[in-house]
Amino acid sequence: MSFLFSDHSLTFFDWMLRAAVGFIFMLISLKILGQRTISQMRLLDFVVVLIVGNIIAHPLSDEHLSLTDSFISIGVLVVLYLICNYLTFRSNKFKHFVNPHPLHLISNGKIQYQNLKKARITIDELLSELRKEKIDDPKKVALAFWEAGGFISTFLYPKYEHPTREELQIKEKPFHFIQPIIKDGTIEQEVLTKMNKDSSWLIAELKHTYHVQINEILLATLNENDKIDIYLYK
């Protein structure tokens, strides 16, 4: 167990064990912290991930540092993170500290410069975010918020919104989701079964329509009309 503690003469195998144990410990820690730590990166999440990354990195590259000390530090951080998450549900003041109220960046088509300064967003960054939403003019925006998660949410004036099928009185069509039945040269058996198909049917269809083998296909999809579309490795 020498690979866990500070040692001046770690072997190559000890370094491998140290890296593997550190990796597994990080996976378990992030599993406890939850998926949103990775996906949303709120203020609290960012602080924890930044500190945890630094704590675990140093003992993996420095044999004079103990890995167990890092585990203790990360364990304390995980407990603190869970306590802070609990407090966000119990205390409105603490919740608004770590998840502040959204800032109005645009109101009634007018850019709120003071709130841009508070959010530390330049006008170029604001226009860039609007372009991502296919908005070419801030005057078309009724409301735009800088959210606590670090993104901008926008609401257009109704006259600039795309009309719905209901508004255009277009007859509604049933929803169909195109299913991937082959991925990376491998048949998705579970998907085929749900669609009342089998591998024999699929292979026969591919030979008849495209004259290809399964292992030549990067992706194949099946629509509601039993039409197969394929994408080959190229």
C-alpha atoms as a PDB file:
ATOM      1  CA  MET A   1       0.000   0.000   0.000  1.00  0.00           C
ATOM      2  CA  SER A   2       3.035   2.282  -0.311  1.00  0.00           C
ATOM      3  CA  PHE A   3       1.544   3.888  -3.432  1.00  0.00           C
ATOM      4  CA  LEU A   4      -1.063   5.647  -1.254  1.00  0.00           C
ATOM      5  CA  PHE A   5       1.466   7.515   0.871  1.00  0.00           C
ATOM      6  CA  SER A   6       4.349   9.894   0.222  1.00  0.00           C
ATOM      7  CA  ASP A   7       7.396   7.930  -0.823  1.00  0.00           C
ATOM      8  CA  HIS A   8      10.748   8.862  -2.329  1.00  0.00           C
ATOM      9  CA  SER A   9      11.080   5.622  -4.285  1.00  0.00           C
ATOM     10  CA  LEU A  10       7.810   4.747  -5.976  1.00  0.00           C
ATOM     11  CA  THR A  11       8.113   2.098  -8.691  1.00  0.00           C
ATOM     12  CA  PHE A  12       6.520   2.328 -12.144  1.00  0.00           C
ATOM     13  CA  PHE A  13       3.827  -0.096 -10.956  1.00  0.00           C
ATOM     14  CA  ASP A  14       3.173   2.104  -7.888  1.00  0.00           C
ATOM     15  CA  TRP A  15       2.639   5.110 -10.157  1.00  0.00           C
ATOM     16  CA  MET A  16       0.162   3.097 -12.232  1.00  0.00           C
ATOM     17  CA  LEU A  17      -1.716   2.047  -9.096  1.00  0.00           C
ATOM     18  CA  ARG A  18      -1.723   5.610  -7.772  1.00  0.00           C
ATOM     19  CA  ALA A  19      -3.204   6.956 -11.017  1.00  0.00           C
ATOM     20  CA  ALA A  20      -5.805   4.161 -11.185  1.00  0.00           C
ATOM     21  CA  VAL A  21      -6.909   4.621  -7.560  1.00  0.00           C
ATOM     22  CA  GLY A  22      -7.095   8.402  -8.036  1.00  0.00           C
ATOM     23  CA  PHE A  23      -9.192   7.977 -11.175  1.00  0.00           C
ATOM     24  CA  ILE A  24     -11.622   5.559  -9.507  1.00  0.00           C
ATOM     25  CA  PHE A  25     -11.897   7.810  -6.455  1.00  0.00           C
ATOM     26  CA  MET A  26     -12.720  10.799  -8.671  1.00  0.00           C
ATOM     27  CA  LEU A  27     -15.428   8.802 -10.480  1.00  0.00           C
ATOM     28  CA  ILE A  28     -17.020   7.807  -7.179  1.00  0.00           C
ATOM     29  CA  SER A  29     -16.800  11.377  -5.857  1.00  0.00           C
ATOM     30  CA  LEU A  30     -18.445  12.842  -8.968  1.00  0.00           C
ATOM     31  CA  LYS A  31     -21.117  10.149  -8.822  1.00  0.00           C
ATOM     32  CA  ILE A  32     -21.932  11.293  -5.288  1.00  0.00           C
ATOM     33  CA  LEU A  33     -21.889  14.956  -6.337  1.00  0.00           C
ATOM     34  CA  GLY A  34     -24.339  14.222  -9.144  1.00  0.00           C
ATOM     35  CA  GLN A  35     -24.575  14.646 -12.902  1.00  0.00           C
ATOM     36  CA  ARG A  36     -25.441  18.333 -12.748  1.00  0.00           C
ATOM     37  CA  THR A  37     -21.950  19.050 -11.393  1.00  0.00           C
ATOM     38  CA  ILE A  38     -20.649  18.132 -14.833  1.00  0.00           C
ATOM     39  CA  SER A  39     -23.471  19.321 -17.058  1.00  0.00           C
ATOM     40  CA  GLN A  40     -24.472  22.750 -15.713  1.00  0.00           C
ATOM     41  CA  MET A  41     -21.506  24.150 -13.799  1.00  0.00           C
ATOM     42  CA  ARG A  42     -23.220  26.547 -11.434  1.00  0.00           C
ATOM     43  CA  LEU A  43     -21.039  28.735  -9.205  1.00  0.00           C
ATOM     44  CA  LEU A  44     -20.973  26.084  -6.483  1.00  0.00           C
ATOM     45  CA  ASP A  45     -20.259  23.293  -8.981  1.00  0.00           C
ATOM     46  CA  PHE A  46     -17.446  25.222 -10.644  1.00  0.00           C
ATOM     47  CA  VAL A  47     -15.707  25.932  -7.328  1.00  0.00           C
ATOM     48  CA  VAL A  48     -15.846  22.275  -6.267  1.00  0.00           C
ATOM     49  CA  VAL A  49     -14.681  20.868  -9.614  1.00  0.00           C
ATOM     50  CA  LEU A  50     -11.822  23.390  -9.828  1.00  0.00           C
ATOM     51  CA  ILE A  51     -10.550  22.615  -6.332  1.00  0.00           C
ATOM     52  CA  VAL A  52     -11.001  18.841  -6.633  1.00  0.00           C
ATOM     53  CA  GLY A  53      -9.073  18.793  -9.917  1.00  0.00           C
ATOM     54  CA  ASN A  54      -6.143  20.609  -8.353  1.00  0.00           C
ATOM     55  CA  ILE A  55      -6.140  18.476  -5.225  1.00  0.00           C
ATOM     56  CA  ILE A  56      -6.021  15.173  -7.101  1.00  0.00           C
ATOM     57  CA  ALA A  57      -3.576  16.317  -9.793  1.00  0.00           C
ATOM     58  CA  HIS A  58      -0.559  17.057  -7.610  1.00  0.00           C
ATOM     59  CA  PRO A  59      -0.127  13.693  -5.810  1.00  0.00           C
ATOM     60  CA  LEU A  60      -0.525  11.880  -9.151  1.00  0.00           C
ATOM     61  CA  SER A  61       2.653  13.547 -10.402  1.00  0.00           C
ATOM     62  CA  ASP A  62       4.621  14.106  -7.182  1.00  0.00           C
ATOM     63  CA  GLU A  63       5.805  11.082  -5.210  1.00  0.00           C
ATOM     64  CA  HIS A  64       6.492  13.241  -2.143  1.00  0.00           C
ATOM     65  CA  LEU A  65       2.781  13.936  -1.694  1.00  0.00           C
ATOM     66  CA  SER A  66       0.422  11.474  -0.024  1.00  0.00           C
ATOM     67  CA  LEU A  67      -2.598  10.295  -2.006  1.00  0.00           C
ATOM     68  CA  THR A  68      -4.540   9.611   1.198  1.00  0.00           C
ATOM     69  CA  ASP A  69      -4.291  13.286   2.192  1.00  0.00           C
ATOM     70  CA  SER A  70      -5.899  14.217  -1.128  1.00  0.00           C
ATOM     71  CA  PHE A  71      -8.680  11.698  -0.549  1.00  0.00           C
ATOM     72  CA  ILE A  72      -9.403  13.236   2.857  1.00  0.00           C
ATOM     73  CA  SER A  73      -9.486  16.741   1.354  1.00  0.00           C
ATOM     74  CA  ILE A  74     -11.816  15.665  -1.445  1.00  0.00           C
ATOM     75  CA  GLY A  75     -14.032  13.844   1.047  1.00  0.00           C
ATOM     76  CA  VAL A  76     -14.375  17.066   3.057  1.00  0.00           C
ATOM     77  CA  LEU A  77     -15.228  18.972  -0.139  1.00  0.00           C
ATOM     78  CA  VAL A  78     -17.901  16.430  -1.074  1.00  0.00           C
ATOM     79  CA  VAL A  79     -19.498  16.791   2.377  1.00  0.00           C
ATOM     80  CA  LEU A  80     -19.356  20.599   2.132  1.00  0.00           C
ATOM     81  CA  TYR A  81     -20.887  20.477  -1.341  1.00  0.00           C
ATOM     82  CA  LEU A  82     -23.777  18.309  -0.127  1.00  0.00           C
ATOM     83  CA  ILE A  83     -24.318  20.636   2.842  1.00  0.00           C
ATOM     84  CA  CYS A  84     -24.372  23.676   0.540  1.00  0.00           C
ATOM     85  CA  ASN A  85     -26.870  21.957  -1.753  1.00  0.00           C
ATOM     86  CA  TYR A  86     -29.050  21.236   1.270  1.00  0.00           C
ATOM     87  CA  LEU A  87     -28.827  24.883   2.336  1.00  0.00           C
ATOM     88  CA  THR A  88     -29.973  26.057  -1.111  1.00  0.00           C
ATOM     89  CA  PHE A  89     -33.275  24.288  -0.428  1.00  0.00           C
ATOM     90  CA  ARG A  90     -33.577  25.503   3.174  1.00  0.00           C
ATOM     91  CA  SER A  91     -32.331  29.088   2.964  1.00  0.00           C
ATOM     92  CA  ASN A  92     -33.465  31.621   0.362  1.00  0.00           C
ATOM     93  CA  LYS A  93     -30.577  33.963   1.194  1.00  0.00           C
ATOM     94  CA  PHE A  94     -27.993  31.242   0.613  1.00  0.00           C
ATOM     95  CA  LYS A  95     -29.810  30.059  -2.535  1.00  0.00           C
ATOM     96  CA  HIS A  96     -29.728  33.556  -4.028  1.00  0.00           C
ATOM     97  CA  PHE A  97     -26.058  33.887  -3.067  1.00  0.00           C
ATOM     98  CA  VAL A  98     -24.960  30.822  -5.047  1.00  0.00           C
ATOM     99  CA  ASN A  99     -27.757  31.065  -7.657  1.00  0.00           C
ATOM    100  CA  PRO A 100     -28.451  34.779  -8.145  1.00  0.00           C
ATOM    101  CA  HIS A 101     -31.609  36.125  -9.754  1.00  0.00           C
ATOM    102  CA  PRO A 102     -31.551  36.393 -13.573  1.00  0.00           C
ATOM    103  CA  LEU A 103     -30.427  39.772 -14.916  1.00  0.00           C
ATOM    104  CA  HIS A 104     -32.466  41.593 -17.556  1.00  0.00           C
ATOM    105  CA  LEU A 105     -30.114  42.154 -20.478  1.00  0.00           C
ATOM    106  CA  ILE A 106     -32.850  43.256 -22.883  1.00  0.00           C
ATOM    107  CA  SER A 107     -36.266  44.628 -21.914  1.00  0.00           C
ATOM    108  CA  ASN A 108     -38.855  45.586 -24.517  1.00  0.00           C
ATOM    109  CA  GLY A 109     -36.236  45.654 -27.246  1.00  0.00           C
ATOM    110  CA  LYS A 110     -33.861  47.910 -25.267  1.00  0.00           C
ATOM    111  CA  ILE A 111     -30.416  46.772 -24.136  1.00  0.00           C
ATOM    112  CA  GLN A 112     -29.896  47.220 -20.387  1.00  0.00           C
ATOM    113  CA  TYR A 113     -26.311  48.447 -20.316  1.00  0.00           C
ATOM    114  CA  GLN A 114     -25.968  48.544 -16.522  1.00  0.00           C
ATOM    115  CA  ASN A 115     -26.963  44.879 -16.269  1.00  0.00           C
ATOM    116  CA  LEU A 116     -24.513  44.024 -19.057  1.00  0.00           C
ATOM    117  CA  LYS A 117     -21.785  45.526 -16.884  1.00  0.00           C
ATOM    118  CA  LYS A 118     -22.973  43.546 -13.839  1.00  0.00           C
ATOM    119  CA  ALA A 119     -22.902  40.308 -15.856  1.00  0.00           C
ATOM    120  CA  ARG A 120     -19.523  41.314 -17.387  1.00  0.00           C
ATOM    121  CA  ILE A 121     -20.855  40.728 -20.892  1.00  0.00           C
ATOM    122  CA  THR A 122     -19.687  42.849 -23.819  1.00  0.00           C
ATOM    123  CA  ILE A 123     -22.053  43.981 -26.539  1.00  0.00           C
ATOM    124  CA  ASP A 124     -20.242  41.665 -28.983  1.00  0.00           C
ATOM    125  CA  GLU A 125     -20.884  38.681 -26.707  1.00  0.00           C
ATOM    126  CA  LEU A 126     -24.543  39.618 -26.392  1.00  0.00           C
ATOM    127  CA  LEU A 127     -24.957  39.914 -30.170  1.00  0.00           C
ATOM    128  CA  SER A 128     -23.151  36.599 -30.614  1.00  0.00           C
ATOM    129  CA  GLU A 129     -25.573  34.862 -28.234  1.00  0.00           C
ATOM    130  CA  LEU A 130     -28.522  36.389 -30.083  1.00  0.00           C
ATOM    131  CA  ARG A 131     -27.162  35.141 -33.423  1.00  0.00           C
ATOM    132  CA  LYS A 132     -27.009  31.621 -31.971  1.00  0.00           C
ATOM    133  CA  GLU A 133     -30.772  31.928 -31.453  1.00  0.00           C
ATOM    134  CA  LYS A 134     -31.185  33.188 -35.067  1.00  0.00           C
ATOM    135  CA  ILE A 135     -31.991  36.702 -33.819  1.00  0.00           C
ATOM    136  CA  ASP A 136     -30.509  39.472 -35.965  1.00  0.00           C
ATOM    137  CA  ASP A 137     -31.893  42.524 -34.140  1.00  0.00           C
ATOM    138  CA  PRO A 138     -32.155  43.152 -30.361  1.00  0.00           C
ATOM    139  CA  LYS A 139     -35.321  45.179 -31.011  1.00  0.00           C
ATOM    140  CA  LYS A 140     -37.113  41.912 -31.818  1.00  0.00           C
ATOM    141  CA  VAL A 141     -36.463  40.677 -28.263  1.00  0.00           C
ATOM    142  CA  ALA A 142     -39.129  41.302 -25.637  1.00  0.00           C
ATOM    143  CA  LEU A 143     -36.984  39.891 -22.823  1.00  0.00           C
ATOM    144  CA  ALA A 144     -33.492  38.458 -22.520  1.00  0.00           C
ATOM    145  CA  PHE A 145     -32.097  37.161 -19.233  1.00  0.00           C
ATOM    146  CA  TRP A 146     -28.596  36.328 -18.055  1.00  0.00           C
ATOM    147  CA  GLU A 147     -29.290  33.112 -16.146  1.00  0.00           C
ATOM    148  CA  ALA A 148     -27.416  31.836 -13.092  1.00  0.00           C
ATOM    149  CA  GLY A 149     -26.168  28.862 -15.135  1.00  0.00           C
ATOM    150  CA  GLY A 150     -24.152  31.216 -17.367  1.00  0.00           C
ATOM    151  CA  PHE A 151     -26.365  31.316 -20.458  1.00  0.00           C
ATOM    152  CA  ILE A 152     -28.786  33.800 -22.030  1.00  0.00           C
ATOM    153  CA  SER A 153     -32.480  32.977 -22.430  1.00  0.00           C
ATOM    154  CA  THR A 154     -34.485  35.027 -24.929  1.00  0.00           C
ATOM    155  CA  PHE A 155     -38.170  35.690 -25.604  1.00  0.00           C
ATOM    156  CA  LEU A 156     -39.184  37.295 -28.896  1.00  0.00           C
ATOM    157  CA  TYR A 157     -42.151  39.555 -29.476  1.00  0.00           C
ATOM    158  CA  PRO A 158     -45.022  37.375 -30.755  1.00  0.00           C
ATOM    159  CA  LYS A 159     -44.943  38.994 -34.207  1.00  0.00           C
ATOM    160  CA  TYR A 160     -41.362  37.777 -34.699  1.00  0.00           C
ATOM    161  CA  GLU A 161     -41.971  34.223 -33.490  1.00  0.00           C
ATOM    162  CA  HIS A 162     -42.391  31.382 -35.936  1.00  0.00           C
ATOM    163  CA  PRO A 163     -46.077  30.462 -36.278  1.00  0.00           C
ATOM    164  CA  THR A 164     -47.132  27.056 -35.009  1.00  0.00           C
ATOM    165  CA  ARG A 165     -48.942  24.425 -37.068  1.00  0.00           C
ATOM    166  CA  GLU A 166     -52.046  25.108 -34.990  1.00  0.00           C
ATOM    167  CA  GLU A 167     -51.931  28.812 -35.805  1.00  0.00           C
ATOM    168  CA  LEU A 168     -51.545  28.040 -39.506  1.00  0.00           C
ATOM    169  CA  GLN A 169     -54.354  25.472 -39.222  1.00  0.00           C
ATOM    170  CA  ILE A 170     -52.182  22.758 -40.734  1.00  0.00           C
ATOM    171  CA  LYS A 171     -53.420  19.229 -40.172  1.00  0.00           C
ATOM    172  CA  GLU A 172     -51.464  17.570 -37.423  1.00  0.00           C
ATOM    173  CA  LYS A 173     -49.275  14.610 -38.329  1.00  0.00           C
ATOM    174  CA  PRO A 174     -48.424  11.812 -35.912  1.00  0.00           C
ATOM    175  CA  PHE A 175     -44.977  12.016 -34.339  1.00  0.00           C
ATOM    176  CA  HIS A 176     -42.387   9.487 -35.468  1.00  0.00           C
ATOM    177  CA  PHE A 177     -38.846   9.195 -34.191  1.00  0.00           C
ATOM    178  CA  ILE A 178     -36.283   7.824 -36.630  1.00  0.00           C
ATOM    179  CA  GLN A 179     -34.455   5.007 -34.879  1.00  0.00           C
ATOM    180  CA  PRO A 180     -30.778   4.054 -35.321  1.00  0.00           C
ATOM    181  CA  ILE A 181     -30.695   0.329 -36.091  1.00  0.00           C
ATOM    182  CA  ILE A 182     -26.962   0.060 -36.857  1.00  0.00           C
ATOM    183  CA  LYS A 183     -24.203   2.042 -35.177  1.00  0.00           C
ATOM    184  CA  ASP A 184     -20.491   1.576 -35.878  1.00  0.00           C
ATOM    185  CA  GLY A 185     -21.108  -1.659 -37.761  1.00  0.00           C
ATOM    186  CA  THR A 186     -23.146  -3.179 -34.916  1.00  0.00           C
ATOM    187  CA  ILE A 187     -26.857  -4.037 -35.053  1.00  0.00           C
ATOM    188  CA  GLU A 188     -28.997  -2.450 -32.332  1.00  0.00           C
ATOM    189  CA  GLN A 189     -30.943  -5.587 -31.432  1.00  0.00           C
ATOM    190  CA  GLU A 190     -33.087  -3.927 -28.762  1.00  0.00           C
ATOM    191  CA  VAL A 191     -34.307  -1.252 -31.208  1.00  0.00           C
ATOM    192  CA  LEU A 192     -35.104  -3.863 -33.872  1.00  0.00           C
ATOM    193  CA  THR A 193     -37.101  -5.923 -31.387  1.00  0.00           C
ATOM    194  CA  LYS A 194     -39.184  -2.917 -30.320  1.00  0.00           C
ATOM    195  CA  MET A 195     -39.987  -2.272 -33.991  1.00  0.00           C
ATOM    196  CA  ASN A 196     -41.009  -5.915 -34.511  1.00  0.00           C
ATOM    197  CA  LYS A 197     -38.023  -6.609 -36.775  1.00  0.00           C
ATOM    198  CA  ASP A 198     -35.113  -9.006 -36.577  1.00  0.00           C
ATOM    199  CA  SER A 199     -31.546  -9.283 -37.844  1.00  0.00           C
ATOM    200  CA  SER A 200     -32.513 -11.582 -40.711  1.00  0.00           C
ATOM    201  CA  TRP A 201     -34.971  -9.017 -42.062  1.00  0.00           C
ATOM    202  CA  LEU A 202     -32.395  -6.234 -41.742  1.00  0.00           C
ATOM    203  CA  ILE A 203     -29.602  -8.148 -43.492  1.00  0.00           C
ATOM    204  CA  ALA A 204     -31.928  -9.143 -46.326  1.00  0.00           C
ATOM    205  CA  GLU A 205     -33.131  -5.548 -46.788  1.00  0.00           C
ATOM    206  CA  LEU A 206     -29.583  -4.195 -46.848  1.00  0.00           C
ATOM    207  CA  LYS A 207     -28.455  -6.728 -49.430  1.00  0.00           C
ATOM    208  CA  HIS A 208     -31.511  -6.114 -51.607  1.00  0.00           C
ATOM    209  CA  THR A 209     -31.462  -2.285 -51.436  1.00  0.00           C
ATOM    210  CA  TYR A 210     -27.843  -1.273 -50.934  1.00  0.00           C
ATOM    211  CA  HIS A 211     -25.757  -4.433 -51.572  1.00  0.00           C
ATOM    212  CA  VAL A 212     -23.654  -3.832 -48.453  1.00  0.00           C
ATOM    213  CA  GLN A 213     -22.587  -5.786 -45.387  1.00  0.00           C
ATOM    214  CA  ILE A 214     -23.275  -4.769 -41.787  1.00  0.00           C
ATOM    215  CA  ASN A 215     -19.600  -4.041 -41.040  1.00  0.00           C
ATOM    216  CA  GLU A 216     -19.485  -1.490 -43.894  1.00  0.00           C
ATOM    217  CA  ILE A 217     -22.129   0.716 -42.274  1.00  0.00           C
ATOM    218  CA  LEU A 218     -21.333   3.601 -39.932  1.00  0.00           C
ATOM    219  CA  LEU A 219     -24.992   4.402 -39.216  1.00  0.00           C
ATOM    220  CA  ALA A 220     -28.332   3.051 -40.437  1.00  0.00           C
ATOM    221  CA  THR A 221     -31.754   4.403 -39.495  1.00  0.00           C
ATOM    222  CA  LEU A 222     -35.298   3.137 -39.951  1.00  0.00           C
ATOM    223  CA  ASN A 223     -38.313   5.425 -40.358  1.00  0.00           C
ATOM    224  CA  GLU A 224     -42.035   4.823 -39.847  1.00  0.00           C
ATOM    225  CA  ASN A 225     -42.411   3.548 -43.421  1.00  0.00           C
ATOM    226  CA  ASP A 226     -39.752   0.865 -42.892  1.00  0.00           C
ATOM    227  CA  LYS A 227     -37.347   2.762 -45.146  1.00  0.00           C
ATOM    228  CA  ILE A 228     -33.696   2.255 -44.279  1.00  0.00           C
ATOM    229  CA  ASP A 229     -31.148   5.051 -44.742  1.00  0.00           C
ATOM    230  CA  ILE A 230     -27.466   4.242 -44.414  1.00  0.00           C
ATOM    231  CA  TYR A 231     -24.190   6.135 -43.926  1.00  0.00           C
ATOM    232  CA  LEU A 232     -21.056   4.229 -44.929  1.00  0.00           C
ATOM    233  CA  TYR A 233     -17.544   4.474 -43.574  1.00  0.00           C
ATOM    234  CA  LYS A 234     -15.614   6.820 -45.875  1.00  0.00           C
END
